């Protein structure tokens, strides 16, 4: 009995630490990364903290111990404040006036043969053709996939780097304006188009924020020490903040309703997510189901690709796909106008 008691004391001590960290996650979206960059990194672990506290709560429940309420209380508070980790709001309705938007980081159409399949570009093209979205926002675009994209209107912006990569927006609707925000000192960027649907002009941004560079195939995620990893992530979180601030400034000049699609390279528990979402609707939260996985780190599901809409739009459907033609998984939303 004594050994079990000591073991439970140790478990409870660890439980307290994980509960405190989860509660800290509640305030992370309000802390500018430039103010406390290393604390901001904790936002990446919030999904793990959710699961850990669920496990602790179940453990104490089986023991019929009051300690059960520690993690339960933290989980309840988190449920009402943070975006849900697992969503049950599946929705699929059809309205007369709607558009469909697909977001897809295609990883350069596999030009460097990360996936040992030379037909990846054509498979991506066939997949998009089958799903037939009205608008496709592509990150990590490469010209090798161009012949597989069959759209009347397009805007492609190539970065001035050795990979000749960039971003693209393909549209079934006429593009009346387009542009690039040209993020400084990075291969990432945000581009936009204004398109006309019936008599409505709508702007959509295709956003690709600074990559965190987490190499899942290397020990310590590609860094020789955890200190170097923390320092690098801190710099990249601050870069994301600067890119978001530039985007927010650019949006202020737009008089049209706005849609945002992209790879944020961050989770829904970050300052990055909170400020790009603002009062907008997250298509997954409104109509998605499950974890909403768009990326995987060490078999752990992460949602880092998003579609946001201004409040005037309705979310009719959100779909997560499991096609493994890239390191990211595509998403699509049908949006009522």
C-alpha atoms as a PDB file:
ATOM      1  CA  UNK A   1       0.000   0.000   0.000  1.00  0.00           C
ATOM      2  CA  UNK A   2       2.834   2.353   0.866  1.00  0.00           C
ATOM      3  CA  UNK A   3       4.455   1.904  -2.580  1.00  0.00           C
ATOM      4  CA  UNK A   4       1.150   2.589  -4.306  1.00  0.00           C
ATOM      5  CA  UNK A   5       0.659   5.713  -2.180  1.00  0.00           C
ATOM      6  CA  UNK A   6       4.109   7.014  -3.119  1.00  0.00           C
ATOM      7  CA  UNK A   7       3.431   6.242  -6.768  1.00  0.00           C
ATOM      8  CA  UNK A   8       0.127   8.139  -6.649  1.00  0.00           C
ATOM      9  CA  UNK A   9       1.864  11.093  -5.032  1.00  0.00           C
ATOM     10  CA  UNK A  10       4.345  11.172  -7.903  1.00  0.00           C
ATOM     11  CA  UNK A  11       1.556  10.891 -10.470  1.00  0.00           C
ATOM     12  CA  UNK A  12      -0.352  13.712  -8.772  1.00  0.00           C
ATOM     13  CA  UNK A  13       2.752  15.936  -8.774  1.00  0.00           C
ATOM     14  CA  UNK A  14       3.216  15.366 -12.512  1.00  0.00           C
ATOM     15  CA  UNK A  15      -0.536  15.918 -12.976  1.00  0.00           C
ATOM     16  CA  UNK A  16      -0.250  19.347 -11.324  1.00  0.00           C
ATOM     17  CA  UNK A  17       2.531  20.342 -13.710  1.00  0.00           C
ATOM     18  CA  UNK A  18       0.525  19.306 -16.800  1.00  0.00           C
ATOM     19  CA  UNK A  19      -2.601  21.027 -15.455  1.00  0.00           C
ATOM     20  CA  UNK A  20      -0.703  24.287 -14.895  1.00  0.00           C
ATOM     21  CA  UNK A  21       0.803  24.107 -18.374  1.00  0.00           C
ATOM     22  CA  UNK A  22      -2.645  23.606 -19.898  1.00  0.00           C
ATOM     23  CA  UNK A  23      -3.955  26.634 -18.006  1.00  0.00           C
ATOM     24  CA  UNK A  24      -0.957  28.598 -19.259  1.00  0.00           C
ATOM     25  CA  UNK A  25      -2.089  27.630 -22.736  1.00  0.00           C
ATOM     26  CA  UNK A  26      -5.213  29.725 -22.156  1.00  0.00           C
ATOM     27  CA  UNK A  27      -3.196  32.957 -22.126  1.00  0.00           C
ATOM     28  CA  UNK A  28      -0.656  32.137 -24.864  1.00  0.00           C
ATOM     29  CA  UNK A  29      -2.840  33.540 -27.696  1.00  0.00           C
ATOM     30  CA  UNK A  30      -2.712  36.926 -25.916  1.00  0.00           C
ATOM     31  CA  UNK A  31       1.097  37.048 -25.581  1.00  0.00           C
ATOM     32  CA  UNK A  32       2.980  38.518 -28.531  1.00  0.00           C
ATOM     33  CA  UNK A  33       5.771  36.114 -29.528  1.00  0.00           C
ATOM     34  CA  UNK A  34       8.259  39.001 -29.590  1.00  0.00           C
ATOM     35  CA  UNK A  35       7.469  39.639 -25.902  1.00  0.00           C
ATOM     36  CA  UNK A  36       8.190  36.089 -24.733  1.00  0.00           C
ATOM     37  CA  UNK A  37       9.219  33.936 -27.724  1.00  0.00           C
ATOM     38  CA  UNK A  38      10.196  30.841 -25.756  1.00  0.00           C
ATOM     39  CA  UNK A  39       6.907  30.830 -23.854  1.00  0.00           C
ATOM     40  CA  UNK A  40       5.032  31.200 -27.169  1.00  0.00           C
ATOM     41  CA  UNK A  41       6.533  27.882 -28.306  1.00  0.00           C
ATOM     42  CA  UNK A  42       4.409  26.157 -25.655  1.00  0.00           C
ATOM     43  CA  UNK A  43       1.378  26.651 -27.923  1.00  0.00           C
ATOM     44  CA  UNK A  44       2.683  23.758 -30.049  1.00  0.00           C
ATOM     45  CA  UNK A  45       2.224  21.399 -27.089  1.00  0.00           C
ATOM     46  CA  UNK A  46      -1.377  22.324 -26.177  1.00  0.00           C
ATOM     47  CA  UNK A  47      -2.876  19.316 -28.043  1.00  0.00           C
ATOM     48  CA  UNK A  48      -0.509  17.039 -26.094  1.00  0.00           C
ATOM     49  CA  UNK A  49      -1.501  18.771 -22.845  1.00  0.00           C
ATOM     50  CA  UNK A  50      -5.181  18.159 -23.658  1.00  0.00           C
ATOM     51  CA  UNK A  51      -4.613  14.449 -24.122  1.00  0.00           C
ATOM     52  CA  UNK A  52      -2.354  14.209 -21.056  1.00  0.00           C
ATOM     53  CA  UNK A  53      -4.965  15.770 -18.799  1.00  0.00           C
ATOM     54  CA  UNK A  54      -7.641  13.455 -20.170  1.00  0.00           C
ATOM     55  CA  UNK A  55      -5.406  10.497 -19.311  1.00  0.00           C
ATOM     56  CA  UNK A  56      -4.791  11.848 -15.791  1.00  0.00           C
ATOM     57  CA  UNK A  57      -8.528  12.385 -15.251  1.00  0.00           C
ATOM     58  CA  UNK A  58      -9.319   8.840 -16.372  1.00  0.00           C
ATOM     59  CA  UNK A  59      -6.563   7.453 -14.159  1.00  0.00           C
ATOM     60  CA  UNK A  60      -7.922   9.152 -11.037  1.00  0.00           C
ATOM     61  CA  UNK A  61     -11.467   8.213 -11.972  1.00  0.00           C
ATOM     62  CA  UNK A  62     -10.525   4.510 -11.972  1.00  0.00           C
ATOM     63  CA  UNK A  63      -8.976   5.036  -8.531  1.00  0.00           C
ATOM     64  CA  UNK A  64     -12.052   6.938  -7.288  1.00  0.00           C
ATOM     65  CA  UNK A  65      -9.744   9.732  -6.120  1.00  0.00           C
ATOM     66  CA  UNK A  66     -10.709  13.429  -5.705  1.00  0.00           C
ATOM     67  CA  UNK A  67      -7.617  14.273  -7.764  1.00  0.00           C
ATOM     68  CA  UNK A  68      -9.888  13.518 -10.736  1.00  0.00           C
ATOM     69  CA  UNK A  69     -11.282  17.061 -10.444  1.00  0.00           C
ATOM     70  CA  UNK A  70      -7.898  18.729 -11.028  1.00  0.00           C
ATOM     71  CA  UNK A  71      -7.588  17.779 -14.694  1.00  0.00           C
ATOM     72  CA  UNK A  72     -11.368  17.769 -15.185  1.00  0.00           C
ATOM     73  CA  UNK A  73     -11.590  21.411 -14.102  1.00  0.00           C
ATOM     74  CA  UNK A  74      -8.727  22.408 -16.406  1.00  0.00           C
ATOM     75  CA  UNK A  75     -10.310  20.547 -19.324  1.00  0.00           C
ATOM     76  CA  UNK A  76     -13.708  22.185 -18.778  1.00  0.00           C
ATOM     77  CA  UNK A  77     -12.174  25.663 -18.596  1.00  0.00           C
ATOM     78  CA  UNK A  78     -10.124  24.962 -21.729  1.00  0.00           C
ATOM     79  CA  UNK A  79     -13.189  23.687 -23.588  1.00  0.00           C
ATOM     80  CA  UNK A  80     -14.959  27.039 -23.188  1.00  0.00           C
ATOM     81  CA  UNK A  81     -11.927  29.208 -23.985  1.00  0.00           C
ATOM     82  CA  UNK A  82      -9.690  27.398 -26.472  1.00  0.00           C
ATOM     83  CA  UNK A  83     -10.636  26.001 -29.905  1.00  0.00           C
ATOM     84  CA  UNK A  84     -11.711  22.401 -29.617  1.00  0.00           C
ATOM     85  CA  UNK A  85      -9.076  19.706 -30.139  1.00  0.00           C
ATOM     86  CA  UNK A  86     -11.647  17.214 -31.467  1.00  0.00           C
ATOM     87  CA  UNK A  87     -14.670  18.584 -33.261  1.00  0.00           C
ATOM     88  CA  UNK A  88     -18.187  17.103 -33.512  1.00  0.00           C
ATOM     89  CA  UNK A  89     -19.785  19.893 -35.589  1.00  0.00           C
ATOM     90  CA  UNK A  90     -20.004  17.989 -38.854  1.00  0.00           C
ATOM     91  CA  UNK A  91     -22.216  19.837 -41.298  1.00  0.00           C
ATOM     92  CA  UNK A  92     -23.174  19.337 -44.924  1.00  0.00           C
ATOM     93  CA  UNK A  93     -25.812  21.581 -46.416  1.00  0.00           C
ATOM     94  CA  UNK A  94     -26.275  22.937 -49.910  1.00  0.00           C
ATOM     95  CA  UNK A  95     -27.298  26.492 -50.770  1.00  0.00           C
ATOM     96  CA  UNK A  96     -27.986  28.083 -54.132  1.00  0.00           C
ATOM     97  CA  UNK A  97     -25.288  30.733 -53.859  1.00  0.00           C
ATOM     98  CA  UNK A  98     -22.031  29.228 -52.593  1.00  0.00           C
ATOM     99  CA  UNK A  99     -18.406  28.705 -53.520  1.00  0.00           C
ATOM    100  CA  UNK A 100     -15.957  25.922 -52.708  1.00  0.00           C
ATOM    101  CA  UNK A 101     -12.369  26.606 -51.657  1.00  0.00           C
ATOM    102  CA  UNK A 102      -9.565  24.075 -51.412  1.00  0.00           C
ATOM    103  CA  UNK A 103      -6.317  24.706 -49.565  1.00  0.00           C
ATOM    104  CA  UNK A 104      -3.325  22.507 -50.336  1.00  0.00           C
ATOM    105  CA  UNK A 105       0.381  22.713 -49.544  1.00  0.00           C
ATOM    106  CA  UNK A 106       1.658  20.483 -52.354  1.00  0.00           C
ATOM    107  CA  UNK A 107       5.331  20.404 -51.303  1.00  0.00           C
ATOM    108  CA  UNK A 108       6.597  21.493 -54.728  1.00  0.00           C
ATOM    109  CA  UNK A 109       4.555  18.746 -56.427  1.00  0.00           C
ATOM    110  CA  UNK A 110       7.181  16.283 -55.158  1.00  0.00           C
ATOM    111  CA  UNK A 111       9.821  17.668 -57.511  1.00  0.00           C
ATOM    112  CA  UNK A 112      12.614  16.305 -55.296  1.00  0.00           C
ATOM    113  CA  UNK A 113      11.030  12.855 -55.154  1.00  0.00           C
ATOM    114  CA  UNK A 114      10.434  12.775 -51.368  1.00  0.00           C
ATOM    115  CA  UNK A 115       7.657  10.327 -52.180  1.00  0.00           C
ATOM    116  CA  UNK A 116       9.019   7.608 -54.455  1.00  0.00           C
ATOM    117  CA  UNK A 117       6.332   8.100 -57.066  1.00  0.00           C
ATOM    118  CA  UNK A 118       6.960  10.172 -60.214  1.00  0.00           C
ATOM    119  CA  UNK A 119       3.236  10.418 -60.899  1.00  0.00           C
ATOM    120  CA  UNK A 120       2.535  12.622 -57.849  1.00  0.00           C
ATOM    121  CA  UNK A 121       1.982  15.833 -59.895  1.00  0.00           C
ATOM    122  CA  UNK A 122      -0.637  14.135 -62.077  1.00  0.00           C
ATOM    123  CA  UNK A 123      -2.243  12.494 -59.035  1.00  0.00           C
ATOM    124  CA  UNK A 124      -2.593  15.871 -57.340  1.00  0.00           C
ATOM    125  CA  UNK A 125      -4.087  17.291 -60.527  1.00  0.00           C
ATOM    126  CA  UNK A 126      -6.579  14.432 -60.849  1.00  0.00           C
ATOM    127  CA  UNK A 127      -7.526  14.733 -57.189  1.00  0.00           C
ATOM    128  CA  UNK A 128      -8.255  18.452 -57.556  1.00  0.00           C
ATOM    129  CA  UNK A 129     -10.133  17.830 -60.806  1.00  0.00           C
ATOM    130  CA  UNK A 130     -12.293  15.166 -59.110  1.00  0.00           C
ATOM    131  CA  UNK A 131     -13.142  17.378 -56.130  1.00  0.00           C
ATOM    132  CA  UNK A 132     -13.675  20.305 -58.513  1.00  0.00           C
ATOM    133  CA  UNK A 133     -13.326  23.283 -56.126  1.00  0.00           C
ATOM    134  CA  UNK A 134     -14.155  26.739 -57.441  1.00  0.00           C
ATOM    135  CA  UNK A 135     -10.932  28.162 -56.008  1.00  0.00           C
ATOM    136  CA  UNK A 136      -7.675  26.394 -55.134  1.00  0.00           C
ATOM    137  CA  UNK A 137      -5.024  27.998 -52.925  1.00  0.00           C
ATOM    138  CA  UNK A 138      -1.676  26.279 -53.267  1.00  0.00           C
ATOM    139  CA  UNK A 139       1.388  26.723 -51.073  1.00  0.00           C
ATOM    140  CA  UNK A 140       4.872  25.517 -52.063  1.00  0.00           C
ATOM    141  CA  UNK A 141       3.856  25.722 -55.704  1.00  0.00           C
ATOM    142  CA  UNK A 142       6.278  24.571 -58.419  1.00  0.00           C
ATOM    143  CA  UNK A 143       5.876  24.927 -62.172  1.00  0.00           C
ATOM    144  CA  UNK A 144       6.194  21.145 -62.608  1.00  0.00           C
ATOM    145  CA  UNK A 145       2.540  20.777 -61.639  1.00  0.00           C
ATOM    146  CA  UNK A 146       1.165  23.522 -63.872  1.00  0.00           C
ATOM    147  CA  UNK A 147       0.082  21.291 -66.769  1.00  0.00           C
ATOM    148  CA  UNK A 148      -2.202  19.365 -64.403  1.00  0.00           C
ATOM    149  CA  UNK A 149      -4.190  22.432 -63.316  1.00  0.00           C
ATOM    150  CA  UNK A 150      -7.188  23.172 -65.531  1.00  0.00           C
ATOM    151  CA  UNK A 151      -8.576  26.571 -64.496  1.00  0.00           C
ATOM    152  CA  UNK A 152      -9.557  29.598 -66.556  1.00  0.00           C
ATOM    153  CA  UNK A 153      -8.089  32.168 -64.186  1.00  0.00           C
ATOM    154  CA  UNK A 154      -4.948  32.021 -62.068  1.00  0.00           C
ATOM    155  CA  UNK A 155      -2.398  34.065 -60.200  1.00  0.00           C
ATOM    156  CA  UNK A 156       1.040  32.568 -59.581  1.00  0.00           C
ATOM    157  CA  UNK A 157       3.772  34.294 -57.623  1.00  0.00           C
ATOM    158  CA  UNK A 158       7.236  32.729 -57.681  1.00  0.00           C
ATOM    159  CA  UNK A 159       9.717  33.690 -54.980  1.00  0.00           C
ATOM    160  CA  UNK A 160      13.211  34.747 -55.987  1.00  0.00           C
ATOM    161  CA  UNK A 161      14.958  31.664 -54.641  1.00  0.00           C
ATOM    162  CA  UNK A 162      16.806  28.673 -56.027  1.00  0.00           C
ATOM    163  CA  UNK A 163      13.820  26.301 -55.759  1.00  0.00           C
ATOM    164  CA  UNK A 164      11.643  28.544 -57.957  1.00  0.00           C
ATOM    165  CA  UNK A 165       8.766  27.866 -55.599  1.00  0.00           C
ATOM    166  CA  UNK A 166       5.923  30.104 -54.578  1.00  0.00           C
ATOM    167  CA  UNK A 167       2.175  30.284 -54.247  1.00  0.00           C
ATOM    168  CA  UNK A 168      -0.738  30.029 -56.616  1.00  0.00           C
ATOM    169  CA  UNK A 169      -4.455  30.743 -56.658  1.00  0.00           C
ATOM    170  CA  UNK A 170      -6.595  29.079 -59.334  1.00  0.00           C
ATOM    171  CA  UNK A 171     -10.134  30.319 -59.866  1.00  0.00           C
ATOM    172  CA  UNK A 172     -13.227  29.577 -61.930  1.00  0.00           C
ATOM    173  CA  UNK A 173     -14.253  33.187 -61.421  1.00  0.00           C
ATOM    174  CA  UNK A 174     -12.831  36.239 -63.127  1.00  0.00           C
ATOM    175  CA  UNK A 175      -9.914  37.825 -61.308  1.00  0.00           C
ATOM    176  CA  UNK A 176     -10.204  41.638 -61.294  1.00  0.00           C
ATOM    177  CA  UNK A 177      -7.238  42.406 -59.047  1.00  0.00           C
ATOM    178  CA  UNK A 178      -4.269  40.548 -57.601  1.00  0.00           C
ATOM    179  CA  UNK A 179      -1.141  41.151 -55.596  1.00  0.00           C
ATOM    180  CA  UNK A 180       1.590  39.934 -53.302  1.00  0.00           C
ATOM    181  CA  UNK A 181       2.605  41.050 -49.817  1.00  0.00           C
ATOM    182  CA  UNK A 182       6.241  40.027 -50.397  1.00  0.00           C
ATOM    183  CA  UNK A 183       7.349  38.996 -46.905  1.00  0.00           C
ATOM    184  CA  UNK A 184      10.954  40.052 -46.284  1.00  0.00           C
ATOM    185  CA  UNK A 185      13.921  37.694 -45.751  1.00  0.00           C
ATOM    186  CA  UNK A 186      11.955  34.479 -46.225  1.00  0.00           C
ATOM    187  CA  UNK A 187      10.742  32.015 -48.833  1.00  0.00           C
ATOM    188  CA  UNK A 188       7.215  32.347 -47.436  1.00  0.00           C
ATOM    189  CA  UNK A 189       4.613  34.842 -48.554  1.00  0.00           C
ATOM    190  CA  UNK A 190       0.962  35.849 -48.828  1.00  0.00           C
ATOM    191  CA  UNK A 191      -0.796  36.593 -52.105  1.00  0.00           C
ATOM    192  CA  UNK A 192      -4.370  37.645 -52.885  1.00  0.00           C
ATOM    193  CA  UNK A 193      -6.923  37.968 -55.633  1.00  0.00           C
ATOM    194  CA  UNK A 194     -10.196  39.868 -55.919  1.00  0.00           C
ATOM    195  CA  UNK A 195     -12.708  37.804 -57.866  1.00  0.00           C
ATOM    196  CA  UNK A 196     -16.287  38.350 -58.996  1.00  0.00           C
ATOM    197  CA  UNK A 197     -19.069  35.883 -58.200  1.00  0.00           C
ATOM    198  CA  UNK A 198     -22.377  37.020 -59.685  1.00  0.00           C
ATOM    199  CA  UNK A 199     -22.285  40.712 -58.761  1.00  0.00           C
ATOM    200  CA  UNK A 200     -20.189  40.310 -55.635  1.00  0.00           C
ATOM    201  CA  UNK A 201     -16.487  41.112 -55.474  1.00  0.00           C
ATOM    202  CA  UNK A 202     -14.650  39.036 -52.873  1.00  0.00           C
ATOM    203  CA  UNK A 203     -11.025  38.983 -51.790  1.00  0.00           C
ATOM    204  CA  UNK A 204      -9.192  35.791 -50.882  1.00  0.00           C
ATOM    205  CA  UNK A 205      -5.726  35.658 -49.356  1.00  0.00           C
ATOM    206  CA  UNK A 206      -3.471  32.644 -49.796  1.00  0.00           C
ATOM    207  CA  UNK A 207      -1.156  32.738 -46.776  1.00  0.00           C
ATOM    208  CA  UNK A 208       1.981  30.701 -46.138  1.00  0.00           C
ATOM    209  CA  UNK A 209       3.600  31.754 -42.864  1.00  0.00           C
ATOM    210  CA  UNK A 210       7.162  31.139 -41.765  1.00  0.00           C
ATOM    211  CA  UNK A 211       7.942  27.441 -41.479  1.00  0.00           C
ATOM    212  CA  UNK A 212       9.041  26.108 -38.095  1.00  0.00           C
ATOM    213  CA  UNK A 213      11.357  23.676 -39.880  1.00  0.00           C
ATOM    214  CA  UNK A 214      10.576  20.688 -37.670  1.00  0.00           C
ATOM    215  CA  UNK A 215      12.350  17.859 -39.456  1.00  0.00           C
ATOM    216  CA  UNK A 216      10.563  14.751 -38.188  1.00  0.00           C
ATOM    217  CA  UNK A 217      13.129  12.445 -39.790  1.00  0.00           C
ATOM    218  CA  UNK A 218      15.992  13.750 -37.660  1.00  0.00           C
ATOM    219  CA  UNK A 219      16.687  13.357 -33.975  1.00  0.00           C
ATOM    220  CA  UNK A 220      15.841  16.500 -31.969  1.00  0.00           C
ATOM    221  CA  UNK A 221      13.951  17.786 -35.049  1.00  0.00           C
ATOM    222  CA  UNK A 222      17.130  18.599 -36.962  1.00  0.00           C
ATOM    223  CA  UNK A 223      19.002  20.480 -34.212  1.00  0.00           C
ATOM    224  CA  UNK A 224      22.067  19.313 -32.282  1.00  0.00           C
ATOM    225  CA  UNK A 225      20.665  20.489 -28.956  1.00  0.00           C
ATOM    226  CA  UNK A 226      17.338  21.426 -27.453  1.00  0.00           C
ATOM    227  CA  UNK A 227      18.679  24.925 -26.767  1.00  0.00           C
ATOM    228  CA  UNK A 228      19.389  25.496 -30.446  1.00  0.00           C
ATOM    229  CA  UNK A 229      15.945  24.158 -31.302  1.00  0.00           C
ATOM    230  CA  UNK A 230      14.288  26.552 -28.839  1.00  0.00           C
ATOM    231  CA  UNK A 231      16.270  29.524 -30.142  1.00  0.00           C
ATOM    232  CA  UNK A 232      15.408  28.736 -33.748  1.00  0.00           C
ATOM    233  CA  UNK A 233      11.707  28.243 -32.986  1.00  0.00           C
ATOM    234  CA  UNK A 234      11.703  31.516 -31.044  1.00  0.00           C
ATOM    235  CA  UNK A 235      13.022  33.389 -34.085  1.00  0.00           C
ATOM    236  CA  UNK A 236      10.471  31.784 -36.365  1.00  0.00           C
ATOM    237  CA  UNK A 237       7.567  32.571 -34.024  1.00  0.00           C
ATOM    238  CA  UNK A 238       8.627  36.223 -34.071  1.00  0.00           C
ATOM    239  CA  UNK A 239       8.833  36.113 -37.887  1.00  0.00           C
ATOM    240  CA  UNK A 240       5.282  34.747 -38.010  1.00  0.00           C
ATOM    241  CA  UNK A 241       4.154  37.633 -35.835  1.00  0.00           C
ATOM    242  CA  UNK A 242       5.739  40.155 -38.194  1.00  0.00           C
ATOM    243  CA  UNK A 243       4.105  38.480 -41.192  1.00  0.00           C
ATOM    244  CA  UNK A 244       0.681  38.499 -39.515  1.00  0.00           C
ATOM    245  CA  UNK A 245       1.030  42.174 -38.619  1.00  0.00           C
ATOM    246  CA  UNK A 246       1.826  42.956 -42.274  1.00  0.00           C
ATOM    247  CA  UNK A 247      -1.219  40.963 -43.386  1.00  0.00           C
ATOM    248  CA  UNK A 248      -3.500  42.727 -40.890  1.00  0.00           C
ATOM    249  CA  UNK A 249      -2.292  46.123 -42.115  1.00  0.00           C
ATOM    250  CA  UNK A 250      -2.916  45.097 -45.729  1.00  0.00           C
ATOM    251  CA  UNK A 251      -6.459  43.893 -44.963  1.00  0.00           C
ATOM    252  CA  UNK A 252      -7.444  47.258 -43.492  1.00  0.00           C
ATOM    253  CA  UNK A 253      -7.324  48.755 -46.983  1.00  0.00           C
ATOM    254  CA  UNK A 254      -9.736  46.179 -48.431  1.00  0.00           C
ATOM    255  CA  UNK A 255     -13.401  47.177 -48.789  1.00  0.00           C
ATOM    256  CA  UNK A 256     -14.589  43.732 -49.938  1.00  0.00           C
ATOM    257  CA  UNK A 257     -15.591  40.694 -47.863  1.00  0.00           C
ATOM    258  CA  UNK A 258     -12.500  38.617 -47.073  1.00  0.00           C
ATOM    259  CA  UNK A 259     -11.646  34.921 -47.135  1.00  0.00           C
ATOM    260  CA  UNK A 260      -8.309  33.595 -45.874  1.00  0.00           C
ATOM    261  CA  UNK A 261      -6.862  30.239 -46.828  1.00  0.00           C
ATOM    262  CA  UNK A 262      -3.447  28.925 -46.004  1.00  0.00           C
ATOM    263  CA  UNK A 263      -0.743  27.070 -44.175  1.00  0.00           C
ATOM    264  CA  UNK A 264      -0.085  28.939 -40.908  1.00  0.00           C
ATOM    265  CA  UNK A 265       2.671  26.583 -39.759  1.00  0.00           C
ATOM    266  CA  UNK A 266       1.171  26.911 -36.292  1.00  0.00           C
ATOM    267  CA  UNK A 267      -1.705  25.514 -34.272  1.00  0.00           C
ATOM    268  CA  UNK A 268      -5.082  26.917 -33.262  1.00  0.00           C
ATOM    269  CA  UNK A 269      -3.681  27.669 -29.770  1.00  0.00           C
ATOM    270  CA  UNK A 270      -1.199  30.334 -30.838  1.00  0.00           C
ATOM    271  CA  UNK A 271      -1.034  34.116 -31.063  1.00  0.00           C
ATOM    272  CA  UNK A 272      -0.688  33.581 -34.816  1.00  0.00           C
ATOM    273  CA  UNK A 273      -4.039  31.803 -35.108  1.00  0.00           C
ATOM    274  CA  UNK A 274      -5.920  34.161 -32.778  1.00  0.00           C
ATOM    275  CA  UNK A 275      -4.927  37.264 -34.695  1.00  0.00           C
ATOM    276  CA  UNK A 276      -5.385  35.963 -38.222  1.00  0.00           C
ATOM    277  CA  UNK A 277      -8.777  34.528 -37.250  1.00  0.00           C
ATOM    278  CA  UNK A 278      -9.879  37.547 -35.220  1.00  0.00           C
ATOM    279  CA  UNK A 279     -13.704  37.562 -35.443  1.00  0.00           C
ATOM    280  CA  UNK A 280     -13.777  35.340 -38.508  1.00  0.00           C
ATOM    281  CA  UNK A 281     -15.184  31.829 -38.808  1.00  0.00           C
ATOM    282  CA  UNK A 282     -12.875  28.817 -38.854  1.00  0.00           C
ATOM    283  CA  UNK A 283     -14.435  26.409 -41.372  1.00  0.00           C
ATOM    284  CA  UNK A 284     -13.311  23.321 -39.426  1.00  0.00           C
ATOM    285  CA  UNK A 285     -14.823  24.523 -36.148  1.00  0.00           C
ATOM    286  CA  UNK A 286     -18.106  25.348 -37.874  1.00  0.00           C
ATOM    287  CA  UNK A 287     -18.529  22.241 -40.026  1.00  0.00           C
ATOM    288  CA  UNK A 288     -15.648  19.796 -39.547  1.00  0.00           C
ATOM    289  CA  UNK A 289     -15.351  16.526 -37.683  1.00  0.00           C
ATOM    290  CA  UNK A 290     -12.566  14.781 -35.792  1.00  0.00           C
ATOM    291  CA  UNK A 291      -9.029  16.056 -35.210  1.00  0.00           C
ATOM    292  CA  UNK A 292      -8.942  18.001 -38.465  1.00  0.00           C
ATOM    293  CA  UNK A 293      -5.427  16.713 -39.127  1.00  0.00           C
ATOM    294  CA  UNK A 294      -3.534  18.456 -41.929  1.00  0.00           C
ATOM    295  CA  UNK A 295       0.010  17.601 -40.818  1.00  0.00           C
ATOM    296  CA  UNK A 296       1.724  14.957 -38.716  1.00  0.00           C
ATOM    297  CA  UNK A 297       4.678  15.150 -36.327  1.00  0.00           C
ATOM    298  CA  UNK A 298       5.860  11.819 -34.926  1.00  0.00           C
ATOM    299  CA  UNK A 299       2.415  10.311 -35.658  1.00  0.00           C
ATOM    300  CA  UNK A 300       0.703  13.107 -33.716  1.00  0.00           C
ATOM    301  CA  UNK A 301      -2.127  14.875 -35.635  1.00  0.00           C
ATOM    302  CA  UNK A 302      -1.758  18.627 -36.062  1.00  0.00           C
ATOM    303  CA  UNK A 303      -4.117  21.139 -37.653  1.00  0.00           C
ATOM    304  CA  UNK A 304      -1.978  23.879 -39.192  1.00  0.00           C
ATOM    305  CA  UNK A 305      -3.856  24.523 -42.479  1.00  0.00           C
ATOM    306  CA  UNK A 306      -6.993  26.639 -42.270  1.00  0.00           C
ATOM    307  CA  UNK A 307      -9.820  28.359 -44.135  1.00  0.00           C
ATOM    308  CA  UNK A 308     -11.329  31.475 -42.514  1.00  0.00           C
ATOM    309  CA  UNK A 309     -14.297  33.581 -43.618  1.00  0.00           C
ATOM    310  CA  UNK A 310     -15.698  36.965 -42.680  1.00  0.00           C
ATOM    311  CA  UNK A 311     -18.809  36.726 -40.442  1.00  0.00           C
ATOM    312  CA  UNK A 312     -21.198  37.498 -43.324  1.00  0.00           C
ATOM    313  CA  UNK A 313     -20.452  34.114 -44.915  1.00  0.00           C
ATOM    314  CA  UNK A 314     -21.860  30.774 -43.785  1.00  0.00           C
ATOM    315  CA  UNK A 315     -19.904  27.520 -43.662  1.00  0.00           C
ATOM    316  CA  UNK A 316     -21.908  24.826 -45.427  1.00  0.00           C
ATOM    317  CA  UNK A 317     -19.296  22.056 -45.289  1.00  0.00           C
ATOM    318  CA  UNK A 318     -15.692  21.371 -44.306  1.00  0.00           C
ATOM    319  CA  UNK A 319     -13.742  18.337 -45.499  1.00  0.00           C
ATOM    320  CA  UNK A 320     -10.357  16.953 -44.488  1.00  0.00           C
ATOM    321  CA  UNK A 321      -8.796  14.579 -47.008  1.00  0.00           C
ATOM    322  CA  UNK A 322      -6.418  11.688 -46.381  1.00  0.00           C
ATOM    323  CA  UNK A 323      -4.612  11.696 -49.723  1.00  0.00           C
ATOM    324  CA  UNK A 324      -0.873  11.391 -49.084  1.00  0.00           C
ATOM    325  CA  UNK A 325       0.603  13.199 -52.061  1.00  0.00           C
ATOM    326  CA  UNK A 326       2.449  15.727 -49.877  1.00  0.00           C
ATOM    327  CA  UNK A 327       3.553  16.154 -46.270  1.00  0.00           C
ATOM    328  CA  UNK A 328       0.343  18.206 -45.832  1.00  0.00           C
ATOM    329  CA  UNK A 329      -3.223  17.007 -46.280  1.00  0.00           C
ATOM    330  CA  UNK A 330      -5.671  19.120 -48.311  1.00  0.00           C
ATOM    331  CA  UNK A 331      -8.846  20.679 -46.910  1.00  0.00           C
ATOM    332  CA  UNK A 332     -11.918  22.102 -48.633  1.00  0.00           C
ATOM    333  CA  UNK A 333     -14.836  24.226 -47.491  1.00  0.00           C
ATOM    334  CA  UNK A 334     -18.116  25.127 -49.160  1.00  0.00           C
ATOM    335  CA  UNK A 335     -19.074  28.652 -48.240  1.00  0.00           C
ATOM    336  CA  UNK A 336     -22.501  30.258 -48.568  1.00  0.00           C
ATOM    337  CA  UNK A 337     -22.550  33.821 -49.842  1.00  0.00           C
END
